[in-house]
Amino acid sequence: MEVHGLLRNGTLRLYLSGELDECSAAKARRECDNLIDVNVQADRIVINLEGVRFMDSTGIGFLIGRYKKARRLNIPVLIEKPDFAADKILNISGIYSLIPKTE
């Protein structure tokens, strides 16, 4: 799992690529939390899942954790570009009621 962040025009985009599962979630969590911590001035956070090839229920927990962290900082979070399989998992889980998907 690789994580890259980019702050532009008040939006912190977190780009994830690879597999988001039990083996990779801890590293991704640390890296995303660090990016959020150094960019607390962001108006919103967009988690880009375009590069995520596989995600299981650990990925849902990962997303909820980043949502809770951002909520404590009063920063809204959005999910961007999940692939078909991830989108299906996210729909079934109901996560879009907490973290909306960008169109």
PDB file of N, CA and C in Angstrom:
ATOM      1  N   MET A   1       0.846  -1.180   0.000  1.00  0.00           N
ATOM      2  CA  MET A   1       0.000   0.000   0.000  1.00  0.00           C
ATOM      3  C   MET A   1       0.883   1.231   0.000  1.00  0.00           C
ATOM      4  N   GLU A   2       0.600   2.114  -0.939  1.00  0.00           N
ATOM      5  CA  GLU A   2       1.285   3.399  -0.986  1.00  0.00           C
ATOM      6  C   GLU A   2       0.274   4.510  -0.745  1.00  0.00           C
ATOM      7  N   VAL A   3       0.714   5.545  -0.049  1.00  0.00           N
ATOM      8  CA  VAL A   3      -0.132   6.692   0.257  1.00  0.00           C
ATOM      9  C   VAL A   3       0.617   7.956  -0.138  1.00  0.00           C
ATOM     10  N   HIS A   4      -0.073   8.817  -0.876  1.00  0.00           N
ATOM     11  CA  HIS A   4       0.483  10.119  -1.234  1.00  0.00           C
ATOM     12  C   HIS A   4      -0.576  11.167  -0.944  1.00  0.00           C
ATOM     13  N   GLY A   5      -0.143  12.319  -0.507  1.00  0.00           N
ATOM     14  CA  GLY A   5      -1.077  13.403  -0.217  1.00  0.00           C
ATOM     15  C   GLY A   5      -0.736  14.645  -1.000  1.00  0.00           C
ATOM     16  N   LEU A   6      -1.774  15.403  -1.331  1.00  0.00           N
ATOM     17  CA  LEU A   6      -1.588  16.651  -2.057  1.00  0.00           C
ATOM     18  C   LEU A   6      -2.630  17.647  -1.564  1.00  0.00           C
ATOM     19  N   LEU A   7      -2.161  18.786  -1.069  1.00  0.00           N
ATOM     20  CA  LEU A   7      -3.056  19.860  -0.630  1.00  0.00           C
ATOM     21  C   LEU A   7      -3.091  20.918  -1.722  1.00  0.00           C
ATOM     22  N   ARG A   8      -4.291  21.134  -2.275  1.00  0.00           N
ATOM     23  CA  ARG A   8      -4.443  22.143  -3.322  1.00  0.00           C
ATOM     24  C   ARG A   8      -5.807  22.800  -3.176  1.00  0.00           C
ATOM     25  N   ASN A   9      -5.822  24.120  -3.160  1.00  0.00           N
ATOM     26  CA  ASN A   9      -7.073  24.894  -3.058  1.00  0.00           C
ATOM     27  C   ASN A   9      -7.922  24.463  -1.869  1.00  0.00           C
ATOM     28  N   GLY A  10      -7.278  24.184  -0.748  1.00  0.00           N
ATOM     29  CA  GLY A  10      -7.994  23.826   0.465  1.00  0.00           C
ATOM     30  C   GLY A  10      -8.418  22.377   0.574  1.00  0.00           C
ATOM     31  N   THR A  11      -8.182  21.583  -0.479  1.00  0.00           N
ATOM     32  CA  THR A  11      -8.562  20.173  -0.466  1.00  0.00           C
ATOM     33  C   THR A  11      -7.319  19.303  -0.305  1.00  0.00           C
ATOM     34  N   LEU A  12      -7.323  18.476   0.742  1.00  0.00           N
ATOM     35  CA  LEU A  12      -6.255  17.492   0.923  1.00  0.00           C
ATOM     36  C   LEU A  12      -6.721  16.201   0.271  1.00  0.00           C
ATOM     37  N   ARG A  13      -6.034  15.808  -0.797  1.00  0.00           N
ATOM     38  CA  ARG A  13      -6.349  14.547  -1.466  1.00  0.00           C
ATOM     39  C   ARG A  13      -5.356  13.503  -0.987  1.00  0.00           C
ATOM     40  N   LEU A  14      -5.906  12.388  -0.520  1.00  0.00           N
ATOM     41  CA  LEU A  14      -5.097  11.251  -0.099  1.00  0.00           C
ATOM     42  C   LEU A  14      -5.240  10.172  -1.156  1.00  0.00           C
ATOM     43  N   TYR A  15      -4.160   9.899  -1.868  1.00  0.00           N
ATOM     44  CA  TYR A  15      -4.164   8.908  -2.939  1.00  0.00           C
ATOM     45  C   TYR A  15      -3.646   7.589  -2.385  1.00  0.00           C
ATOM     46  N   LEU A  16      -4.487   6.560  -2.435  1.00  0.00           N
ATOM     47  CA  LEU A  16      -4.106   5.232  -1.973  1.00  0.00           C
ATOM     48  C   LEU A  16      -3.943   4.321  -3.178  1.00  0.00           C
ATOM     49  N   SER A  17      -2.913   3.479  -3.146  1.00  0.00           N
ATOM     50  CA  SER A  17      -2.741   2.503  -4.219  1.00  0.00           C
ATOM     51  C   SER A  17      -2.202   1.208  -3.632  1.00  0.00           C
ATOM     52  N   GLY A  18      -2.662   0.113  -4.201  1.00  0.00           N
ATOM     53  CA  GLY A  18      -2.273  -1.211  -3.726  1.00  0.00           C
ATOM     54  C   GLY A  18      -3.455  -1.915  -3.101  1.00  0.00           C
ATOM     55  N   GLU A  19      -3.189  -2.753  -2.132  1.00  0.00           N
ATOM     56  CA  GLU A  19      -4.223  -3.513  -1.449  1.00  0.00           C
ATOM     57  C   GLU A  19      -4.470  -2.928  -0.066  1.00  0.00           C
ATOM     58  N   LEU A  20      -5.731  -2.691   0.257  1.00  0.00           N
ATOM     59  CA  LEU A  20      -6.110  -2.152   1.560  1.00  0.00           C
ATOM     60  C   LEU A  20      -6.747  -3.280   2.352  1.00  0.00           C
ATOM     61  N   ASP A  21      -5.883  -3.991   3.093  1.00  0.00           N
ATOM     62  CA  ASP A  21      -6.334  -5.147   3.863  1.00  0.00           C
ATOM     63  C   ASP A  21      -5.626  -5.164   5.215  1.00  0.00           C
ATOM     64  N   GLU A  22      -5.789  -6.241   5.942  1.00  0.00           N
ATOM     65  CA  GLU A  22      -5.224  -6.326   7.292  1.00  0.00           C
ATOM     66  C   GLU A  22      -3.709  -6.132   7.307  1.00  0.00           C
ATOM     67  N   CYS A  23      -3.035  -6.592   6.266  1.00  0.00           N
ATOM     68  CA  CYS A  23      -1.574  -6.483   6.220  1.00  0.00           C
ATOM     69  C   CYS A  23      -1.089  -5.059   5.963  1.00  0.00           C
ATOM     70  N   SER A  24      -1.877  -4.277   5.249  1.00  0.00           N
ATOM     71  CA  SER A  24      -1.412  -2.954   4.843  1.00  0.00           C
ATOM     72  C   SER A  24      -2.081  -1.797   5.582  1.00  0.00           C
ATOM     73  N   ALA A  25      -3.153  -2.059   6.292  1.00  0.00           N
ATOM     74  CA  ALA A  25      -3.946  -0.973   6.891  1.00  0.00           C
ATOM     75  C   ALA A  25      -3.168  -0.159   7.923  1.00  0.00           C
ATOM     76  N   ALA A  26      -2.352  -0.799   8.737  1.00  0.00           N
ATOM     77  CA  ALA A  26      -1.627  -0.066   9.783  1.00  0.00           C
ATOM     78  C   ALA A  26      -0.678   0.972   9.184  1.00  0.00           C
ATOM     79  N   LYS A  27       0.047   0.589   8.144  1.00  0.00           N
ATOM     80  CA  LYS A  27       0.968   1.518   7.482  1.00  0.00           C
ATOM     81  C   LYS A  27       0.189   2.660   6.830  1.00  0.00           C
ATOM     82  N   ALA A  28      -0.886   2.328   6.133  1.00  0.00           N
ATOM     83  CA  ALA A  28      -1.710   3.350   5.484  1.00  0.00           C
ATOM     84  C   ALA A  28      -2.308   4.297   6.524  1.00  0.00           C
ATOM     85  N   ARG A  29      -2.728   3.755   7.650  1.00  0.00           N
ATOM     86  CA  ARG A  29      -3.307   4.561   8.737  1.00  0.00           C
ATOM     87  C   ARG A  29      -2.288   5.579   9.242  1.00  0.00           C
ATOM     88  N   ARG A  30      -1.077   5.115   9.520  1.00  0.00           N
ATOM     89  CA  ARG A  30      -0.025   6.022  10.013  1.00  0.00           C
ATOM     90  C   ARG A  30       0.259   7.132   9.005  1.00  0.00           C
ATOM     91  N   GLU A  31       0.406   6.749   7.747  1.00  0.00           N
ATOM     92  CA  GLU A  31       0.762   7.735   6.729  1.00  0.00           C
ATOM     93  C   GLU A  31      -0.366   8.744   6.490  1.00  0.00           C
ATOM     94  N   CYS A  32      -1.605   8.274   6.439  1.00  0.00           N
ATOM     95  CA  CYS A  32      -2.741   9.193   6.250  1.00  0.00           C
ATOM     96  C   CYS A  32      -2.904  10.106   7.456  1.00  0.00           C
ATOM     97  N   ASP A  33      -2.790   9.549   8.646  1.00  0.00           N
ATOM     98  CA  ASP A  33      -2.919  10.375   9.849  1.00  0.00           C
ATOM     99  C   ASP A  33      -1.835  11.446   9.892  1.00  0.00           C
ATOM    100  N   ASN A  34      -0.633  11.100   9.496  1.00  0.00           N
ATOM    101  CA  ASN A  34       0.448  12.089   9.457  1.00  0.00           C
ATOM    102  C   ASN A  34       0.124  13.193   8.453  1.00  0.00           C
ATOM    103  N   LEU A  35      -0.364  12.816   7.285  1.00  0.00           N
ATOM    104  CA  LEU A  35      -0.723  13.823   6.279  1.00  0.00           C
ATOM    105  C   LEU A  35      -1.852  14.730   6.777  1.00  0.00           C
ATOM    106  N   ILE A  36      -2.818  14.153   7.465  1.00  0.00           N
ATOM    107  CA  ILE A  36      -3.907  14.959   8.029  1.00  0.00           C
ATOM    108  C   ILE A  36      -3.359  15.900   9.092  1.00  0.00           C
ATOM    109  N   ASP A  37      -2.479  15.385   9.956  1.00  0.00           N
ATOM    110  CA  ASP A  37      -1.918  16.195  11.040  1.00  0.00           C
ATOM    111  C   ASP A  37      -1.139  17.400  10.532  1.00  0.00           C
ATOM    112  N   VAL A  38      -0.411  17.242   9.436  1.00  0.00           N
ATOM    113  CA  VAL A  38       0.388  18.367   8.926  1.00  0.00           C
ATOM    114  C   VAL A  38      -0.412  19.269   7.991  1.00  0.00           C
ATOM    115  N   ASN A  39      -1.662  18.895   7.708  1.00  0.00           N
ATOM    116  CA  ASN A  39      -2.511  19.698   6.835  1.00  0.00           C
ATOM    117  C   ASN A  39      -3.855  20.006   7.488  1.00  0.00           C
ATOM    118  N   VAL A  40      -3.827  20.315   8.777  1.00  0.00           N
ATOM    119  CA  VAL A  40      -5.076  20.579   9.508  1.00  0.00           C
ATOM    120  C   VAL A  40      -5.804  21.821   8.998  1.00  0.00           C
ATOM    121  N   GLN A  41      -5.136  22.633   8.187  1.00  0.00           N
ATOM    122  CA  GLN A  41      -5.779  23.813   7.628  1.00  0.00           C
ATOM    123  C   GLN A  41      -6.674  23.466   6.434  1.00  0.00           C
ATOM    124  N   ALA A  42      -6.697  22.213   6.008  1.00  0.00           N
ATOM    125  CA  ALA A  42      -7.509  21.806   4.855  1.00  0.00           C
ATOM    126  C   ALA A  42      -8.994  22.050   5.119  1.00  0.00           C
ATOM    127  N   ASP A  43      -9.704  22.427   4.053  1.00  0.00           N
ATOM    128  CA  ASP A  43     -11.151  22.633   4.141  1.00  0.00           C
ATOM    129  C   ASP A  43     -11.915  21.311   4.020  1.00  0.00           C
ATOM    130  N   ARG A  44     -11.306  20.362   3.329  1.00  0.00           N
ATOM    131  CA  ARG A  44     -11.916  19.038   3.180  1.00  0.00           C
ATOM    132  C   ARG A  44     -10.842  18.028   2.811  1.00  0.00           C
ATOM    133  N   ILE A  45     -11.171  16.763   3.025  1.00  0.00           N
ATOM    134  CA  ILE A  45     -10.268  15.661   2.695  1.00  0.00           C
ATOM    135  C   ILE A  45     -10.986  14.761   1.692  1.00  0.00           C
ATOM    136  N   VAL A  46     -10.307  14.448   0.605  1.00  0.00           N
ATOM    137  CA  VAL A  46     -10.841  13.530  -0.396  1.00  0.00           C
ATOM    138  C   VAL A  46      -9.922  12.320  -0.429  1.00  0.00           C
ATOM    139  N   ILE A  47     -10.492  11.144  -0.146  1.00  0.00           N
ATOM    140  CA  ILE A  47      -9.721   9.900  -0.183  1.00  0.00           C
ATOM    141  C   ILE A  47      -9.932   9.264  -1.551  1.00  0.00           C
ATOM    142  N   ASN A  48      -8.875   9.267  -2.355  1.00  0.00           N
ATOM    143  CA  ASN A  48      -8.926   8.749  -3.714  1.00  0.00           C
ATOM    144  C   ASN A  48      -8.558   7.264  -3.700  1.00  0.00           C
ATOM    145  N   LEU A  49      -9.505   6.427  -4.128  1.00  0.00           N
ATOM    146  CA  LEU A  49      -9.310   4.976  -4.103  1.00  0.00           C
ATOM    147  C   LEU A  49      -9.052   4.398  -5.491  1.00  0.00           C
ATOM    148  N   GLU A  50      -8.764   5.248  -6.455  1.00  0.00           N
ATOM    149  CA  GLU A  50      -8.583   4.795  -7.835  1.00  0.00           C
ATOM    150  C   GLU A  50      -7.502   3.714  -7.961  1.00  0.00           C
ATOM    151  N   GLY A  51      -6.450   3.818  -7.179  1.00  0.00           N
ATOM    152  CA  GLY A  51      -5.350   2.866  -7.279  1.00  0.00           C
ATOM    153  C   GLY A  51      -5.481   1.655  -6.374  1.00  0.00           C
ATOM    154  N   VAL A  52      -6.580   1.541  -5.640  1.00  0.00           N
ATOM    155  CA  VAL A  52      -6.759   0.405  -4.729  1.00  0.00           C
ATOM    156  C   VAL A  52      -7.274  -0.786  -5.534  1.00  0.00           C
ATOM    157  N   ARG A  53      -6.466  -1.845  -5.583  1.00  0.00           N
ATOM    158  CA  ARG A  53      -6.812  -3.036  -6.358  1.00  0.00           C
ATOM    159  C   ARG A  53      -7.678  -4.018  -5.579  1.00  0.00           C
ATOM    160  N   PHE A  54      -7.585  -3.969  -4.240  1.00  0.00           N
ATOM    161  CA  PHE A  54      -8.342  -4.894  -3.392  1.00  0.00           C
ATOM    162  C   PHE A  54      -8.612  -4.208  -2.064  1.00  0.00           C
ATOM    163  N   MET A  55      -9.829  -4.401  -1.546  1.00  0.00           N
ATOM    164  CA  MET A  55     -10.170  -3.866  -0.241  1.00  0.00           C
ATOM    165  C   MET A  55     -11.125  -4.842   0.434  1.00  0.00           C
ATOM    166  N   ASP A  56     -10.848  -5.143   1.702  1.00  0.00           N
ATOM    167  CA  ASP A  56     -11.754  -5.986   2.480  1.00  0.00           C
ATOM    168  C   ASP A  56     -12.351  -5.162   3.612  1.00  0.00           C
ATOM    169  N   SER A  57     -12.940  -5.821   4.583  1.00  0.00           N
ATOM    170  CA  SER A  57     -13.599  -5.107   5.682  1.00  0.00           C
ATOM    171  C   SER A  57     -12.619  -4.257   6.490  1.00  0.00           C
ATOM    172  N   THR A  58     -11.346  -4.617   6.485  1.00  0.00           N
ATOM    173  CA  THR A  58     -10.342  -3.785   7.160  1.00  0.00           C
ATOM    174  C   THR A  58     -10.283  -2.405   6.519  1.00  0.00           C
ATOM    175  N   GLY A  59     -10.488  -2.353   5.217  1.00  0.00           N
ATOM    176  CA  GLY A  59     -10.507  -1.080   4.505  1.00  0.00           C
ATOM    177  C   GLY A  59     -11.648  -0.188   4.965  1.00  0.00           C
ATOM    178  N   ILE A  60     -12.784  -0.798   5.267  1.00  0.00           N
ATOM    179  CA  ILE A  60     -13.922  -0.030   5.777  1.00  0.00           C
ATOM    180  C   ILE A  60     -13.567   0.565   7.137  1.00  0.00           C
ATOM    181  N   GLY A  61     -12.954  -0.239   7.989  1.00  0.00           N
ATOM    182  CA  GLY A  61     -12.507   0.265   9.287  1.00  0.00           C
ATOM    183  C   GLY A  61     -11.496   1.386   9.140  1.00  0.00           C
ATOM    184  N   PHE A  62     -10.596   1.245   8.174  1.00  0.00           N
ATOM    185  CA  PHE A  62      -9.606   2.282   7.887  1.00  0.00           C
ATOM    186  C   PHE A  62     -10.307   3.594   7.522  1.00  0.00           C
ATOM    187  N   LEU A  63     -11.281   3.528   6.623  1.00  0.00           N
ATOM    188  CA  LEU A  63     -11.991   4.726   6.191  1.00  0.00           C
ATOM    189  C   LEU A  63     -12.758   5.367   7.341  1.00  0.00           C
ATOM    190  N   ILE A  64     -13.414   4.552   8.157  1.00  0.00           N
ATOM    191  CA  ILE A  64     -14.151   5.086   9.298  1.00  0.00           C
ATOM    192  C   ILE A  64     -13.206   5.766  10.290  1.00  0.00           C
ATOM    193  N   GLY A  65     -12.043   5.188  10.496  1.00  0.00           N
ATOM    194  CA  GLY A  65     -11.055   5.800  11.390  1.00  0.00           C
ATOM    195  C   GLY A  65     -10.586   7.151  10.902  1.00  0.00           C
ATOM    196  N   ARG A  66     -10.353   7.292   9.580  1.00  0.00           N
ATOM    197  CA  ARG A  66      -9.931   8.584   9.042  1.00  0.00           C
ATOM    198  C   ARG A  66     -11.083   9.586   9.111  1.00  0.00           C
ATOM    199  N   TYR A  67     -12.307   9.099   8.919  1.00  0.00           N
ATOM    200  CA  TYR A  67     -13.487   9.958   9.064  1.00  0.00           C
ATOM    201  C   TYR A  67     -13.578  10.510  10.487  1.00  0.00           C
ATOM    202  N   LYS A  68     -13.409   9.639  11.483  1.00  0.00           N
ATOM    203  CA  LYS A  68     -13.497  10.071  12.878  1.00  0.00           C
ATOM    204  C   LYS A  68     -12.407  11.077  13.218  1.00  0.00           C
ATOM    205  N   LYS A  69     -11.198  10.830  12.719  1.00  0.00           N
ATOM    206  CA  LYS A  69     -10.089  11.765  12.971  1.00  0.00           C
ATOM    207  C   LYS A  69     -10.408  13.132  12.366  1.00  0.00           C
ATOM    208  N   ALA A  70     -10.856  13.146  11.122  1.00  0.00           N
ATOM    209  CA  ALA A  70     -11.166  14.402  10.448  1.00  0.00           C
ATOM    210  C   ALA A  70     -12.356  15.099  11.109  1.00  0.00           C
ATOM    211  N   ARG A  71     -13.312  14.334  11.573  1.00  0.00           N
ATOM    212  CA  ARG A  71     -14.485  14.911  12.244  1.00  0.00           C
ATOM    213  C   ARG A  71     -14.076  15.664  13.505  1.00  0.00           C
ATOM    214  N   ARG A  72     -13.117  15.099  14.256  1.00  0.00           N
ATOM    215  CA  ARG A  72     -12.620  15.788  15.453  1.00  0.00           C
ATOM    216  C   ARG A  72     -11.978  17.133  15.095  1.00  0.00           C
ATOM    217  N   LEU A  73     -11.467  17.226  13.866  1.00  0.00           N
ATOM    218  CA  LEU A  73     -10.829  18.457  13.387  1.00  0.00           C
ATOM    219  C   LEU A  73     -11.803  19.335  12.588  1.00  0.00           C
ATOM    220  N   ASN A  74     -13.073  18.913  12.523  1.00  0.00           N
ATOM    221  CA  ASN A  74     -14.106  19.630  11.765  1.00  0.00           C
ATOM    222  C   ASN A  74     -13.774  19.749  10.280  1.00  0.00           C
ATOM    223  N   ILE A  75     -13.225  18.667   9.715  1.00  0.00           N
ATOM    224  CA  ILE A  75     -12.908  18.627   8.289  1.00  0.00           C
ATOM    225  C   ILE A  75     -13.777  17.548   7.641  1.00  0.00           C
ATOM    226  N   PRO A  76     -14.623  17.914   6.672  1.00  0.00           N
ATOM    227  CA  PRO A  76     -15.434  16.904   5.993  1.00  0.00           C
ATOM    228  C   PRO A  76     -14.571  15.982   5.121  1.00  0.00           C
ATOM    229  N   VAL A  77     -15.035  14.749   4.955  1.00  0.00           N
ATOM    230  CA  VAL A  77     -14.301  13.737   4.182  1.00  0.00           C
ATOM    231  C   VAL A  77     -15.199  13.215   3.063  1.00  0.00           C
ATOM    232  N   LEU A  78     -14.589  12.990   1.911  1.00  0.00           N
ATOM    233  CA  LEU A  78     -15.275  12.417   0.752  1.00  0.00           C
ATOM    234  C   LEU A  78     -14.450  11.252   0.211  1.00  0.00           C
ATOM    235  N   ILE A  79     -15.119  10.324  -0.452  1.00  0.00           N
ATOM    236  CA  ILE A  79     -14.446   9.205  -1.121  1.00  0.00           C
ATOM    237  C   ILE A  79     -14.529   9.455  -2.618  1.00  0.00           C
ATOM    238  N   GLU A  80     -13.416   9.197  -3.303  1.00  0.00           N
ATOM    239  CA  GLU A  80     -13.341   9.472  -4.736  1.00  0.00           C
ATOM    240  C   GLU A  80     -12.841   8.248  -5.497  1.00  0.00           C
ATOM    241  N   LYS A  81     -13.484   7.939  -6.593  1.00  0.00           N
ATOM    242  CA  LYS A  81     -13.046   6.966  -7.596  1.00  0.00           C
ATOM    243  C   LYS A  81     -12.791   5.550  -7.081  1.00  0.00           C
ATOM    244  N   PRO A  82     -13.703   4.984  -6.290  1.00  0.00           N
ATOM    245  CA  PRO A  82     -13.520   3.562  -5.949  1.00  0.00           C
ATOM    246  C   PRO A  82     -13.799   2.712  -7.192  1.00  0.00           C
ATOM    247  N   ASP A  83     -13.098   1.595  -7.339  1.00  0.00           N
ATOM    248  CA  ASP A  83     -13.419   0.723  -8.464  1.00  0.00           C
ATOM    249  C   ASP A  83     -14.735   0.004  -8.179  1.00  0.00           C
ATOM    250  N   PHE A  84     -15.208  -0.770  -9.138  1.00  0.00           N
ATOM    251  CA  PHE A  84     -16.525  -1.406  -9.032  1.00  0.00           C
ATOM    252  C   PHE A  84     -16.649  -2.264  -7.783  1.00  0.00           C
ATOM    253  N   ALA A  85     -15.637  -3.104  -7.526  1.00  0.00           N
ATOM    254  CA  ALA A  85     -15.697  -4.021  -6.373  1.00  0.00           C
ATOM    255  C   ALA A  85     -15.697  -3.251  -5.060  1.00  0.00           C
ATOM    256  N   ALA A  86     -14.823  -2.264  -4.942  1.00  0.00           N
ATOM    257  CA  ALA A  86     -14.771  -1.464  -3.709  1.00  0.00           C
ATOM    258  C   ALA A  86     -16.067  -0.683  -3.531  1.00  0.00           C
ATOM    259  N   ASP A  87     -16.587  -0.137  -4.614  1.00  0.00           N
ATOM    260  CA  ASP A  87     -17.830   0.623  -4.540  1.00  0.00           C
ATOM    261  C   ASP A  87     -18.968  -0.263  -4.040  1.00  0.00           C
ATOM    262  N   LYS A  88     -18.995  -1.488  -4.495  1.00  0.00           N
ATOM    263  CA  LYS A  88     -20.032  -2.432  -4.061  1.00  0.00           C
ATOM    264  C   LYS A  88     -19.923  -2.701  -2.555  1.00  0.00           C
ATOM    265  N   ILE A  89     -18.709  -2.935  -2.079  1.00  0.00           N
ATOM    266  CA  ILE A  89     -18.477  -3.177  -0.641  1.00  0.00           C
ATOM    267  C   ILE A  89     -18.874  -1.942   0.169  1.00  0.00           C
ATOM    268  N   LEU A  90     -18.506  -0.775  -0.306  1.00  0.00           N
ATOM    269  CA  LEU A  90     -18.811   0.463   0.402  1.00  0.00           C
ATOM    270  C   LEU A  90     -20.318   0.735   0.421  1.00  0.00           C
ATOM    271  N   ASN A  91     -21.000   0.442  -0.669  1.00  0.00           N
ATOM    272  CA  ASN A  91     -22.459   0.587  -0.702  1.00  0.00           C
ATOM    273  C   ASN A  91     -23.131  -0.342   0.291  1.00  0.00           C
ATOM    274  N   ILE A  92     -22.742  -1.607   0.275  1.00  0.00           N
ATOM    275  CA  ILE A  92     -23.346  -2.598   1.167  1.00  0.00           C
ATOM    276  C   ILE A  92     -23.105  -2.240   2.631  1.00  0.00           C
ATOM    277  N   SER A  93     -21.923  -1.725   2.923  1.00  0.00           N
ATOM    278  CA  SER A  93     -21.578  -1.387   4.306  1.00  0.00           C
ATOM    279  C   SER A  93     -22.334  -0.162   4.810  1.00  0.00           C
ATOM    280  N   GLY A  94     -22.839   0.651   3.906  1.00  0.00           N
ATOM    281  CA  GLY A  94     -23.518   1.879   4.295  1.00  0.00           C
ATOM    282  C   GLY A  94     -22.580   3.028   4.604  1.00  0.00           C
ATOM    283  N   ILE A  95     -21.319   2.882   4.254  1.00  0.00           N
ATOM    284  CA  ILE A  95     -20.336   3.912   4.595  1.00  0.00           C
ATOM    285  C   ILE A  95     -20.618   5.247   3.913  1.00  0.00           C
ATOM    286  N   TYR A  96     -21.306   5.202   2.773  1.00  0.00           N
ATOM    287  CA  TYR A  96     -21.589   6.453   2.075  1.00  0.00           C
ATOM    288  C   TYR A  96     -22.531   7.362   2.857  1.00  0.00           C
ATOM    289  N   SER A  97     -23.201   6.826   3.867  1.00  0.00           N
ATOM    290  CA  SER A  97     -24.032   7.683   4.729  1.00  0.00           C
ATOM    291  C   SER A  97     -23.156   8.539   5.641  1.00  0.00           C
ATOM    292  N   LEU A  98     -21.926   8.083   5.924  1.00  0.00           N
ATOM    293  CA  LEU A  98     -20.966   8.856   6.714  1.00  0.00           C
ATOM    294  C   LEU A  98     -20.033   9.668   5.826  1.00  0.00           C
ATOM    295  N   ILE A  99     -19.510   8.981   4.804  1.00  0.00           N
ATOM    296  CA  ILE A  99     -18.508   9.578   3.923  1.00  0.00           C
ATOM    297  C   ILE A  99     -19.066   9.549   2.505  1.00  0.00           C
ATOM    298  N   PRO A 100     -19.594  10.660   2.015  1.00  0.00           N
ATOM    299  CA  PRO A 100     -20.169  10.661   0.669  1.00  0.00           C
ATOM    300  C   PRO A 100     -19.125  10.413  -0.425  1.00  0.00           C
ATOM    301  N   LYS A 101     -19.612   9.908  -1.525  1.00  0.00           N
ATOM    302  CA  LYS A 101     -18.760   9.684  -2.696  1.00  0.00           C
ATOM    303  C   LYS A 101     -18.882  10.884  -3.611  1.00  0.00           C
ATOM    304  N   THR A 102     -17.755  11.359  -4.136  1.00  0.00           N
ATOM    305  CA  THR A 102     -17.780  12.443  -5.108  1.00  0.00           C
ATOM    306  C   THR A 102     -18.259  11.883  -6.431  1.00  0.00           C
ATOM    307  N   GLU A 103     -18.834  12.727  -7.229  1.00  0.00           N
ATOM    308  CA  GLU A 103     -19.319  12.280  -8.546  1.00  0.00           C
ATOM    309  C   GLU A 103     -18.330  12.592  -9.618  1.00  0.00           C
TER     310      GLU A 103
END
